[in-house]
Amino acid sequence: MKHLFVFMLISVMTLSLVPQTSAQDSGYIVYASGGWDIPCGEGRLGGGVAAISVDVYAPTGSMEEDTFGVTNYPFIGDFEWTWAWPGFHLRDLTWYAYVPDNGSTYETRDLYAEGGSYIASIEFYAECPSGIIEIFNNSIYGVHMPDPAERVQAKVLFDVNVHSEPNPDAAIPGAVLLAGQDWFVVSSVVGTDGNLWYEVFVGGAHNGFVPAAAMSLPAPLPE
């Protein structure tokens, strides 16, 4: 009972169901707007509470494998479980996670289509007292990330729409990279507007494109 009680404290979700036709057919998991609902040092036993905006679309028959863990807190270790989704879109969902003082909280979620093929994944990490919150592998629609030799991790300078091609008129509805996020750039190309665009791995079977001015690369792209 202690485990169940603590888990309920650290993971509370507000769900809004919308028709699955509003999402990409292949499915995705998106975490955005990670921040502190209760800052480190102001919560229970000196910890804090992270709040993350979540958008998940799981096609009918898909399965999700989750791992959740907390360090430096009594009675909590790692939890693993599998979800079977009937096929729906969870939107405007807020996930709250307790983060202990001098400890961390992390979560991984892997989404698989019916039959076992990989769709998408997400990794979340937060720690106190540093206040670090990190989100990795954020999926818009999904396959595994590109090889390290074929990518450069770049920072988004300002909110920017993801495009299906390097064309200002080809924005993907609802797909936005947020200022401060890190994404993998795999190539550059001159767009239909005559400007430089980056091809960005956005967790999907098809890479997206954003204007090069929206991202800062710490190193040249691989040849």
Protein backbone atom coordinates (compact mmCIF):
# COMPACT_ATOMS: atom_id res chain seq x y z
CA MET A 1 0.00 0.00 0.00
CA LYS A 2 2.88 2.37 0.70
CA HIS A 3 4.15 1.95 -2.86
CA LEU A 4 0.72 2.64 -4.32
CA PHE A 5 0.19 5.69 -2.09
CA VAL A 6 3.57 7.20 -2.99
CA PHE A 7 3.07 6.51 -6.68
CA MET A 8 -0.29 8.29 -6.60
CA LEU A 9 1.40 11.28 -4.99
CA ILE A 10 4.12 11.56 -7.61
CA SER A 11 2.11 10.80 -10.74
CA VAL A 12 -1.23 12.62 -11.17
CA MET A 13 -2.68 13.12 -14.63
CA THR A 14 -5.52 15.22 -16.04
CA LEU A 15 -6.81 13.59 -19.23
CA SER A 16 -8.73 14.99 -22.18
CA LEU A 17 -9.84 12.50 -24.83
CA VAL A 18 -10.22 13.69 -28.41
CA PRO A 19 -10.89 11.76 -31.63
CA GLN A 20 -7.83 9.84 -32.84
CA THR A 21 -8.28 11.29 -36.34
CA SER A 22 -6.82 14.54 -35.00
CA ALA A 23 -3.37 12.93 -34.69
CA GLN A 24 -0.75 11.42 -36.99
CA ASP A 25 -1.74 7.86 -37.97
CA SER A 26 1.56 6.35 -36.83
CA GLY A 27 1.35 7.58 -33.23
CA TYR A 28 3.61 9.73 -31.10
CA ILE A 29 4.60 10.81 -27.59
CA VAL A 30 5.36 14.49 -26.97
CA TYR A 31 6.50 16.09 -23.71
CA ALA A 32 6.63 19.88 -23.66
CA SER A 33 6.67 22.83 -21.28
CA GLY A 34 8.62 21.06 -18.57
CA GLY A 35 8.84 23.24 -15.46
CA TRP A 36 8.54 23.28 -11.69
CA ASP A 37 5.07 23.29 -10.13
CA ILE A 38 6.86 23.38 -6.75
CA PRO A 39 10.54 24.45 -6.94
CA CYS A 40 13.29 22.34 -5.43
CA GLY A 41 13.57 22.99 -1.70
CA GLU A 42 9.94 24.02 -1.28
CA GLY A 43 8.26 20.62 -1.49
CA ARG A 44 8.00 17.59 0.79
CA LEU A 45 11.29 16.85 2.60
CA GLY A 46 13.04 19.60 0.66
CA GLY A 47 12.23 18.23 -2.78
CA GLY A 48 10.16 19.71 -5.60
CA VAL A 49 7.38 18.81 -8.03
CA ALA A 50 7.97 18.91 -11.79
CA ALA A 51 5.04 19.53 -14.14
CA ILE A 52 5.15 18.42 -17.77
CA SER A 53 2.63 19.00 -20.54
CA VAL A 54 2.02 15.71 -22.36
CA ASP A 55 0.43 14.81 -25.69
CA VAL A 56 0.18 11.09 -26.57
CA TYR A 57 -1.47 9.45 -29.56
CA ALA A 58 -1.57 5.66 -29.47
CA PRO A 59 -3.13 3.84 -32.45
CA THR A 60 -5.54 0.96 -31.87
CA GLY A 61 -3.68 -2.17 -30.78
CA SER A 62 -0.49 -0.36 -29.78
CA MET A 63 1.47 -1.22 -26.64
CA GLU A 64 3.50 1.04 -24.37
CA GLU A 65 6.38 -0.03 -22.13
CA ASP A 66 7.22 2.38 -19.30
CA THR A 67 9.99 2.64 -16.73
CA PHE A 68 9.71 5.08 -13.84
CA GLY A 69 12.21 5.63 -11.05
CA VAL A 70 13.11 7.91 -8.15
CA THR A 71 16.44 8.09 -6.34
CA ASN A 72 17.11 9.04 -2.72
CA TYR A 73 13.54 8.62 -1.46
CA PRO A 74 12.22 5.91 0.89
CA PHE A 75 10.14 3.04 -0.52
CA ILE A 76 10.61 4.04 -4.16
CA GLY A 77 12.91 2.41 -6.69
CA ASP A 78 12.20 1.46 -10.30
CA PHE A 79 8.77 0.56 -11.63
CA GLU A 80 8.14 -1.08 -14.99
CA TRP A 81 4.78 -1.72 -16.62
CA THR A 82 3.13 -2.22 -19.99
CA TRP A 83 0.01 -0.47 -21.29
CA ALA A 84 -2.31 -1.80 -23.99
CA TRP A 85 -4.02 1.11 -25.73
CA PRO A 86 -7.51 0.78 -27.32
CA GLY A 87 -6.61 3.62 -29.67
CA PHE A 88 -7.03 7.24 -28.64
CA HIS A 89 -5.39 10.61 -28.28
CA LEU A 90 -4.55 12.02 -24.84
CA ARG A 91 -4.15 15.77 -25.18
CA ASP A 92 -3.67 18.63 -22.68
CA LEU A 93 -2.45 16.15 -20.11
CA THR A 94 -0.32 17.37 -17.19
CA TRP A 95 2.05 14.91 -15.51
CA TYR A 96 3.33 15.76 -12.02
CA ALA A 97 6.45 14.09 -10.65
CA TYR A 98 7.89 14.44 -7.16
CA VAL A 99 11.67 14.97 -7.20
CA PRO A 100 13.42 14.35 -3.86
CA ASP A 101 16.05 16.62 -2.34
CA ASN A 102 19.53 15.58 -3.54
CA GLY A 103 17.85 13.05 -5.81
CA SER A 104 16.25 12.61 -9.20
CA THR A 105 13.16 11.32 -10.98
CA TYR A 106 13.19 9.78 -14.43
CA GLU A 107 10.82 8.12 -16.88
CA THR A 108 11.11 6.36 -20.22
CA ARG A 109 8.15 5.50 -22.47
CA ASP A 110 8.38 3.34 -25.59
CA LEU A 111 5.38 2.97 -27.91
CA TYR A 112 4.99 -0.05 -30.21
CA ALA A 113 2.46 -0.72 -32.95
CA GLU A 114 0.33 -3.85 -33.04
CA GLY A 115 2.72 -6.62 -34.01
CA GLY A 116 5.68 -5.12 -32.14
CA SER A 117 7.17 -2.56 -34.55
CA TYR A 118 8.64 0.50 -32.84
CA ILE A 119 6.73 3.79 -33.08
CA ALA A 120 8.05 6.37 -30.63
CA SER A 121 9.78 7.04 -27.33
CA ILE A 122 10.40 9.72 -24.72
CA GLU A 123 12.84 10.13 -21.82
CA PHE A 124 12.31 12.54 -18.95
CA TYR A 125 14.77 13.47 -16.19
CA ALA A 126 14.60 15.99 -13.33
CA GLU A 127 16.82 16.51 -10.30
CA CYS A 128 17.12 18.59 -7.14
CA PRO A 129 18.62 20.80 -5.87
CA SER A 130 20.01 21.82 -9.30
CA GLY A 131 16.53 22.24 -10.80
CA ILE A 132 17.56 20.51 -14.03
CA ILE A 133 14.71 19.22 -16.21
CA GLU A 134 15.63 17.40 -19.43
CA ILE A 135 13.48 15.77 -22.13
CA PHE A 136 15.09 13.46 -24.70
CA ASN A 137 13.87 11.70 -27.87
CA ASN A 138 10.72 13.81 -27.96
CA SER A 139 8.53 12.14 -30.60
CA ILE A 140 6.23 13.83 -33.07
CA TYR A 141 5.86 10.51 -34.91
CA GLY A 142 8.40 7.91 -34.51
CA VAL A 143 11.35 5.75 -35.32
CA HIS A 144 14.76 5.55 -33.65
CA MET A 145 17.17 8.51 -33.76
CA PRO A 146 19.90 8.82 -36.43
CA ASP A 147 23.39 7.43 -35.94
CA PRO A 148 25.69 9.73 -33.86
CA ALA A 149 28.06 10.05 -36.84
CA GLU A 150 25.23 11.50 -38.93
CA ARG A 151 23.81 14.17 -36.63
CA VAL A 152 24.59 17.35 -34.68
CA GLN A 153 22.60 18.22 -31.57
CA ALA A 154 21.46 21.81 -32.02
CA LYS A 155 19.54 24.22 -29.82
CA VAL A 156 16.30 25.89 -30.89
CA LEU A 157 16.65 29.68 -30.67
CA PHE A 158 12.94 30.51 -30.88
CA ASP A 159 9.64 28.66 -31.31
CA VAL A 160 9.41 27.43 -34.89
CA ASN A 161 6.97 25.31 -36.93
CA VAL A 162 8.16 21.99 -38.31
CA HIS A 163 7.67 21.67 -42.08
CA SER A 164 7.24 18.53 -44.19
CA GLU A 165 9.65 20.01 -46.74
CA PRO A 166 11.93 23.09 -46.88
CA ASN A 167 9.05 25.31 -47.90
CA PRO A 168 7.44 28.07 -45.80
CA ASP A 169 4.01 26.88 -47.00
CA ALA A 170 4.50 23.27 -45.82
CA ALA A 171 4.12 23.65 -42.03
CA ILE A 172 2.85 20.51 -40.22
CA PRO A 173 -0.20 21.46 -38.10
CA GLY A 174 0.59 21.27 -34.40
CA ALA A 175 4.29 20.42 -34.86
CA VAL A 176 6.44 23.05 -33.16
CA LEU A 177 10.01 23.05 -31.83
CA LEU A 178 10.21 25.20 -28.72
CA ALA A 179 12.92 27.70 -27.81
CA GLY A 180 15.59 26.10 -25.62
CA GLN A 181 14.96 22.53 -26.78
CA ASP A 182 17.72 20.38 -28.29
CA TRP A 183 17.09 18.47 -31.54
CA PHE A 184 19.26 16.49 -33.96
CA VAL A 185 20.06 18.17 -37.28
CA VAL A 186 21.08 15.70 -40.00
CA SER A 187 21.54 17.89 -43.10
CA SER A 188 21.05 21.33 -44.64
CA VAL A 189 19.35 22.34 -47.87
CA VAL A 190 18.34 25.49 -49.72
CA GLY A 191 14.57 25.89 -49.45
CA THR A 192 12.01 27.10 -51.95
CA ASP A 193 12.40 30.58 -50.47
CA GLY A 194 16.10 30.66 -51.34
CA ASN A 195 17.16 30.45 -47.68
CA LEU A 196 19.06 27.73 -45.82
CA TRP A 197 16.94 25.11 -44.01
CA TYR A 198 17.91 22.30 -41.64
CA GLU A 199 16.60 18.77 -41.87
CA VAL A 200 15.76 17.80 -38.29
CA PHE A 201 15.09 14.41 -36.75
CA VAL A 202 11.85 14.95 -34.85
CA GLY A 203 11.35 11.40 -33.60
CA GLY A 204 9.61 10.35 -36.79
CA ALA A 205 9.65 8.12 -39.80
CA HIS A 206 9.98 11.32 -41.83
CA ASN A 207 12.35 14.10 -40.81
CA GLY A 208 11.07 17.64 -40.56
CA PHE A 209 12.53 20.90 -41.86
CA VAL A 210 12.97 24.26 -40.13
CA PRO A 211 14.65 27.50 -41.23
CA ALA A 212 18.34 27.40 -40.33
CA ALA A 213 17.98 30.77 -38.56
CA ALA A 214 15.88 29.04 -35.87
CA MET A 215 18.68 26.73 -34.66
CA SER A 216 22.20 27.10 -33.32
CA LEU A 217 24.66 24.34 -34.27
CA PRO A 218 27.71 23.85 -32.00
CA ALA A 219 29.66 22.08 -34.79
CA PRO A 220 29.54 21.60 -38.58
CA LEU A 221 27.22 18.96 -39.98
CA PRO A 222 28.84 15.63 -40.91
CA GLU A 223 29.95 15.40 -44.54
